[in-house]
Amino acid sequence: MRTLTAILTCPAENAAAIEAALLEVVAHVEANEPGTLGYHVARGTAEDGSIVFTTYERFADAAAMERHNGSDAVARFFAVAGPLLSAPATVATAREIAVATTAGTPGDANP
Protein backbone atom coordinates (compact mmCIF):
# COMPACT_ATOMS: atom_id res chain seq x y z
CA MET A 1 0.00 0.00 0.00
CA ARG A 2 1.32 3.43 -0.95
CA THR A 3 0.21 6.76 0.49
CA LEU A 4 0.55 10.38 -0.45
CA THR A 5 -0.10 13.38 1.77
CA ALA A 6 -0.29 16.86 0.27
CA ILE A 7 -0.50 20.15 2.14
CA LEU A 8 -1.79 23.11 0.14
CA THR A 9 -1.89 26.64 1.57
CA CYS A 10 -3.67 29.62 0.05
CA PRO A 11 -5.04 33.03 0.96
CA ALA A 12 -8.65 32.90 2.15
CA GLU A 13 -9.87 34.64 -1.01
CA ASN A 14 -8.60 31.72 -3.14
CA ALA A 15 -10.01 28.93 -0.98
CA ALA A 16 -13.33 28.46 -2.80
CA ALA A 17 -11.63 27.94 -6.17
CA ILE A 18 -9.13 25.48 -4.73
CA GLU A 19 -11.82 23.57 -2.85
CA ALA A 20 -13.90 23.28 -6.03
CA ALA A 21 -10.87 22.02 -7.95
CA LEU A 22 -10.13 19.43 -5.23
CA LEU A 23 -13.73 18.22 -5.34
CA GLU A 24 -13.37 17.71 -9.10
CA VAL A 25 -10.38 15.44 -8.38
CA VAL A 26 -12.49 13.55 -5.82
CA ALA A 27 -15.21 12.99 -8.43
CA HIS A 28 -12.62 11.79 -10.95
CA VAL A 29 -11.12 9.37 -8.42
CA GLU A 30 -14.53 7.92 -7.54
CA ALA A 31 -15.44 7.38 -11.19
CA ASN A 32 -12.13 6.31 -12.70
CA GLU A 33 -9.53 5.07 -10.21
CA PRO A 34 -10.21 1.65 -8.69
CA GLY A 35 -6.58 1.52 -7.56
CA THR A 36 -7.07 4.63 -5.42
CA LEU A 37 -8.41 3.08 -2.23
CA GLY A 38 -9.00 6.35 -0.38
CA TYR A 39 -8.84 10.04 -1.22
CA HIS A 40 -9.46 12.21 1.83
CA VAL A 41 -9.58 16.02 1.72
CA ALA A 42 -9.62 18.28 4.78
CA ARG A 43 -9.76 22.07 5.16
CA GLY A 44 -8.50 24.16 8.06
CA THR A 45 -7.35 27.65 8.92
CA ALA A 46 -3.79 28.52 9.91
CA GLU A 47 -3.00 30.98 12.69
CA ASP A 48 -2.28 33.68 10.11
CA GLY A 49 -5.73 33.25 8.55
CA SER A 50 -4.55 31.41 5.45
CA ILE A 51 -6.46 28.30 4.42
CA VAL A 52 -4.76 24.91 4.55
CA PHE A 53 -6.04 21.94 2.57
CA THR A 54 -4.65 18.51 3.34
CA THR A 55 -5.13 15.39 1.26
CA TYR A 56 -4.44 11.86 2.40
CA GLU A 57 -4.43 9.43 -0.48
CA ARG A 58 -4.19 5.62 -0.33
CA PHE A 59 -3.22 3.54 -3.34
CA ALA A 60 -3.19 -0.22 -3.92
CA ASP A 61 0.37 0.01 -5.24
CA ALA A 62 2.94 2.36 -6.75
CA ALA A 63 1.45 1.93 -10.24
CA ALA A 64 -1.96 3.14 -9.01
CA MET A 65 -0.32 6.18 -7.40
CA GLU A 66 1.54 6.93 -10.63
CA ARG A 67 -1.68 6.62 -12.67
CA HIS A 68 -3.44 9.02 -10.32
CA ASN A 69 -0.60 11.55 -10.24
CA GLY A 70 -0.32 11.40 -14.04
CA SER A 71 -4.05 11.78 -14.64
CA ASP A 72 -5.65 14.65 -16.52
CA ALA A 73 -7.64 15.42 -13.35
CA VAL A 74 -4.50 16.08 -11.31
CA ALA A 75 -3.00 18.13 -14.14
CA ARG A 76 -6.19 20.24 -14.32
CA PHE A 77 -6.14 20.70 -10.55
CA PHE A 78 -2.60 22.08 -10.53
CA ALA A 79 -3.31 24.27 -13.59
CA VAL A 80 -6.17 25.90 -11.63
CA ALA A 81 -4.77 25.79 -8.10
CA GLY A 82 -1.06 26.28 -8.70
CA PRO A 83 -1.24 30.05 -9.27
CA LEU A 84 -3.62 30.45 -6.30
CA LEU A 85 -1.39 28.77 -3.70
CA SER A 86 0.71 30.78 -1.25
CA ALA A 87 3.63 28.37 -1.67
CA PRO A 88 4.39 25.17 -3.54
CA ALA A 89 2.50 22.12 -2.29
CA THR A 90 4.26 20.04 0.34
CA VAL A 91 4.01 16.39 -0.73
CA ALA A 92 5.15 13.26 1.10
CA THR A 93 4.82 9.70 -0.15
CA ALA A 94 5.20 6.61 1.99
CA ARG A 95 4.58 2.91 2.36
CA GLU A 96 1.66 2.35 4.71
CA ILE A 97 2.65 0.26 7.71
CA ALA A 98 -0.55 0.07 9.78
CA VAL A 99 -4.25 0.97 9.70
CA ALA A 100 -6.72 1.22 12.56
CA THR A 101 -10.43 1.54 11.93
CA THR A 102 -13.33 2.02 14.27
CA ALA A 103 -16.92 0.87 14.03
CA GLY A 104 -19.65 3.37 13.41
CA THR A 105 -20.49 6.17 11.04
CA PRO A 106 -17.90 8.78 10.09
CA GLY A 107 -18.55 12.30 11.35
CA ASP A 108 -20.32 14.91 9.28
CA ALA A 109 -18.08 15.83 6.35
CA ASN A 110 -19.52 19.37 6.29
CA PRO A 111 -20.00 20.54 9.87
C-alpha atoms as a PDB file:
ATOM      1  CA  MET A   1       0.000   0.000   0.000  1.00  0.00           C
ATOM      2  CA  ARG A   2       1.321   3.434  -0.951  1.00  0.00           C
ATOM      3  CA  THR A   3       0.206   6.760   0.488  1.00  0.00           C
ATOM      4  CA  LEU A   4       0.549  10.385  -0.451  1.00  0.00           C
ATOM      5  CA  THR A   5      -0.103  13.377   1.770  1.00  0.00           C
ATOM      6  CA  ALA A   6      -0.288  16.856   0.266  1.00  0.00           C
ATOM      7  CA  ILE A   7      -0.503  20.145   2.140  1.00  0.00           C
ATOM      8  CA  LEU A   8      -1.788  23.108   0.143  1.00  0.00           C
ATOM      9  CA  THR A   9      -1.893  26.638   1.573  1.00  0.00           C
ATOM     10  CA  CYS A  10      -3.669  29.615   0.050  1.00  0.00           C
ATOM     11  CA  PRO A  11      -5.045  33.031   0.960  1.00  0.00           C
ATOM     12  CA  ALA A  12      -8.655  32.904   2.152  1.00  0.00           C
ATOM     13  CA  GLU A  13      -9.870  34.642  -1.006  1.00  0.00           C
ATOM     14  CA  ASN A  14      -8.599  31.725  -3.139  1.00  0.00           C
ATOM     15  CA  ALA A  15     -10.014  28.927  -0.983  1.00  0.00           C
ATOM     16  CA  ALA A  16     -13.332  28.463  -2.802  1.00  0.00           C
ATOM     17  CA  ALA A  17     -11.631  27.943  -6.170  1.00  0.00           C
ATOM     18  CA  ILE A  18      -9.125  25.478  -4.725  1.00  0.00           C
ATOM     19  CA  GLU A  19     -11.823  23.572  -2.853  1.00  0.00           C
ATOM     20  CA  ALA A  20     -13.901  23.282  -6.029  1.00  0.00           C
ATOM     21  CA  ALA A  21     -10.869  22.021  -7.950  1.00  0.00           C
ATOM     22  CA  LEU A  22     -10.134  19.434  -5.230  1.00  0.00           C
ATOM     23  CA  LEU A  23     -13.729  18.218  -5.339  1.00  0.00           C
ATOM     24  CA  GLU A  24     -13.371  17.713  -9.098  1.00  0.00           C
ATOM     25  CA  VAL A  25     -10.384  15.443  -8.379  1.00  0.00           C
ATOM     26  CA  VAL A  26     -12.493  13.552  -5.823  1.00  0.00           C
ATOM     27  CA  ALA A  27     -15.209  12.992  -8.434  1.00  0.00           C
ATOM     28  CA  HIS A  28     -12.624  11.786 -10.952  1.00  0.00           C
ATOM     29  CA  VAL A  29     -11.119   9.367  -8.420  1.00  0.00           C
ATOM     30  CA  GLU A  30     -14.533   7.919  -7.536  1.00  0.00           C
ATOM     31  CA  ALA A  31     -15.440   7.385 -11.192  1.00  0.00           C
ATOM     32  CA  ASN A  32     -12.125   6.312 -12.696  1.00  0.00           C
ATOM     33  CA  GLU A  33      -9.534   5.071 -10.214  1.00  0.00           C
ATOM     34  CA  PRO A  34     -10.208   1.649  -8.689  1.00  0.00           C
ATOM     35  CA  GLY A  35      -6.575   1.518  -7.560  1.00  0.00           C
ATOM     36  CA  THR A  36      -7.072   4.629  -5.421  1.00  0.00           C
ATOM     37  CA  LEU A  37      -8.413   3.084  -2.227  1.00  0.00           C
ATOM     38  CA  GLY A  38      -8.999   6.346  -0.381  1.00  0.00           C
ATOM     39  CA  TYR A  39      -8.840  10.036  -1.221  1.00  0.00           C
ATOM     40  CA  HIS A  40      -9.464  12.209   1.828  1.00  0.00           C
ATOM     41  CA  VAL A  41      -9.579  16.016   1.723  1.00  0.00           C
ATOM     42  CA  ALA A  42      -9.621  18.284   4.781  1.00  0.00           C
ATOM     43  CA  ARG A  43      -9.756  22.070   5.163  1.00  0.00           C
ATOM     44  CA  GLY A  44      -8.502  24.165   8.055  1.00  0.00           C
ATOM     45  CA  THR A  45      -7.355  27.654   8.921  1.00  0.00           C
ATOM     46  CA  ALA A  46      -3.792  28.515   9.912  1.00  0.00           C
ATOM     47  CA  GLU A  47      -3.002  30.978  12.693  1.00  0.00           C
ATOM     48  CA  ASP A  48      -2.275  33.677  10.113  1.00  0.00           C
ATOM     49  CA  GLY A  49      -5.731  33.248   8.548  1.00  0.00           C
ATOM     50  CA  SER A  50      -4.554  31.409   5.454  1.00  0.00           C
ATOM     51  CA  ILE A  51      -6.458  28.297   4.421  1.00  0.00           C
ATOM     52  CA  VAL A  52      -4.760  24.909   4.552  1.00  0.00           C
ATOM     53  CA  PHE A  53      -6.040  21.937   2.568  1.00  0.00           C
ATOM     54  CA  THR A  54      -4.651  18.509   3.343  1.00  0.00           C
ATOM     55  CA  THR A  55      -5.131  15.394   1.256  1.00  0.00           C
ATOM     56  CA  TYR A  56      -4.439  11.859   2.403  1.00  0.00           C
ATOM     57  CA  GLU A  57      -4.428   9.434  -0.478  1.00  0.00           C
ATOM     58  CA  ARG A  58      -4.191   5.619  -0.327  1.00  0.00           C
ATOM     59  CA  PHE A  59      -3.222   3.536  -3.337  1.00  0.00           C
ATOM     60  CA  ALA A  60      -3.192  -0.217  -3.919  1.00  0.00           C
ATOM     61  CA  ASP A  61       0.368   0.008  -5.235  1.00  0.00           C
ATOM     62  CA  ALA A  62       2.936   2.358  -6.750  1.00  0.00           C
ATOM     63  CA  ALA A  63       1.452   1.926 -10.238  1.00  0.00           C
ATOM     64  CA  ALA A  64      -1.956   3.142  -9.011  1.00  0.00           C
ATOM     65  CA  MET A  65      -0.320   6.176  -7.403  1.00  0.00           C
ATOM     66  CA  GLU A  66       1.545   6.933 -10.633  1.00  0.00           C
ATOM     67  CA  ARG A  67      -1.680   6.624 -12.672  1.00  0.00           C
ATOM     68  CA  HIS A  68      -3.445   9.023 -10.315  1.00  0.00           C
ATOM     69  CA  ASN A  69      -0.598  11.551 -10.239  1.00  0.00           C
ATOM     70  CA  GLY A  70      -0.316  11.403 -14.037  1.00  0.00           C
ATOM     71  CA  SER A  71      -4.053  11.779 -14.642  1.00  0.00           C
ATOM     72  CA  ASP A  72      -5.647  14.646 -16.519  1.00  0.00           C
ATOM     73  CA  ALA A  73      -7.643  15.420 -13.351  1.00  0.00           C
ATOM     74  CA  VAL A  74      -4.503  16.082 -11.307  1.00  0.00           C
ATOM     75  CA  ALA A  75      -3.003  18.134 -14.137  1.00  0.00           C
ATOM     76  CA  ARG A  76      -6.191  20.238 -14.322  1.00  0.00           C
ATOM     77  CA  PHE A  77      -6.138  20.696 -10.545  1.00  0.00           C
ATOM     78  CA  PHE A  78      -2.602  22.082 -10.533  1.00  0.00           C
ATOM     79  CA  ALA A  79      -3.315  24.270 -13.586  1.00  0.00           C
ATOM     80  CA  VAL A  80      -6.166  25.902 -11.633  1.00  0.00           C
ATOM     81  CA  ALA A  81      -4.772  25.791  -8.096  1.00  0.00           C
ATOM     82  CA  GLY A  82      -1.062  26.285  -8.702  1.00  0.00           C
ATOM     83  CA  PRO A  83      -1.244  30.050  -9.268  1.00  0.00           C
ATOM     84  CA  LEU A  84      -3.623  30.447  -6.296  1.00  0.00           C
ATOM     85  CA  LEU A  85      -1.388  28.765  -3.698  1.00  0.00           C
ATOM     86  CA  SER A  86       0.712  30.777  -1.248  1.00  0.00           C
ATOM     87  CA  ALA A  87       3.629  28.371  -1.674  1.00  0.00           C
ATOM     88  CA  PRO A  88       4.393  25.172  -3.543  1.00  0.00           C
ATOM     89  CA  ALA A  89       2.503  22.124  -2.290  1.00  0.00           C
ATOM     90  CA  THR A  90       4.256  20.037   0.336  1.00  0.00           C
ATOM     91  CA  VAL A  91       4.008  16.388  -0.726  1.00  0.00           C
ATOM     92  CA  ALA A  92       5.148  13.259   1.103  1.00  0.00           C
ATOM     93  CA  THR A  93       4.820   9.700  -0.146  1.00  0.00           C
ATOM     94  CA  ALA A  94       5.202   6.611   1.991  1.00  0.00           C
ATOM     95  CA  ARG A  95       4.575   2.908   2.356  1.00  0.00           C
ATOM     96  CA  GLU A  96       1.660   2.345   4.705  1.00  0.00           C
ATOM     97  CA  ILE A  97       2.651   0.262   7.711  1.00  0.00           C
ATOM     98  CA  ALA A  98      -0.551   0.070   9.777  1.00  0.00           C
ATOM     99  CA  VAL A  99      -4.253   0.968   9.701  1.00  0.00           C
ATOM    100  CA  ALA A 100      -6.718   1.217  12.559  1.00  0.00           C
ATOM    101  CA  THR A 101     -10.429   1.540  11.928  1.00  0.00           C
ATOM    102  CA  THR A 102     -13.328   2.016  14.274  1.00  0.00           C
ATOM    103  CA  ALA A 103     -16.916   0.869  14.027  1.00  0.00           C
ATOM    104  CA  GLY A 104     -19.648   3.374  13.409  1.00  0.00           C
ATOM    105  CA  THR A 105     -20.487   6.169  11.043  1.00  0.00           C
ATOM    106  CA  PRO A 106     -17.899   8.782  10.093  1.00  0.00           C
ATOM    107  CA  GLY A 107     -18.552  12.300  11.348  1.00  0.00           C
ATOM    108  CA  ASP A 108     -20.318  14.906   9.282  1.00  0.00           C
ATOM    109  CA  ALA A 109     -18.083  15.833   6.347  1.00  0.00           C
ATOM    110  CA  ASN A 110     -19.521  19.371   6.293  1.00  0.00           C
ATOM    111  CA  PRO A 111     -20.000  20.543   9.874  1.00  0.00           C
END
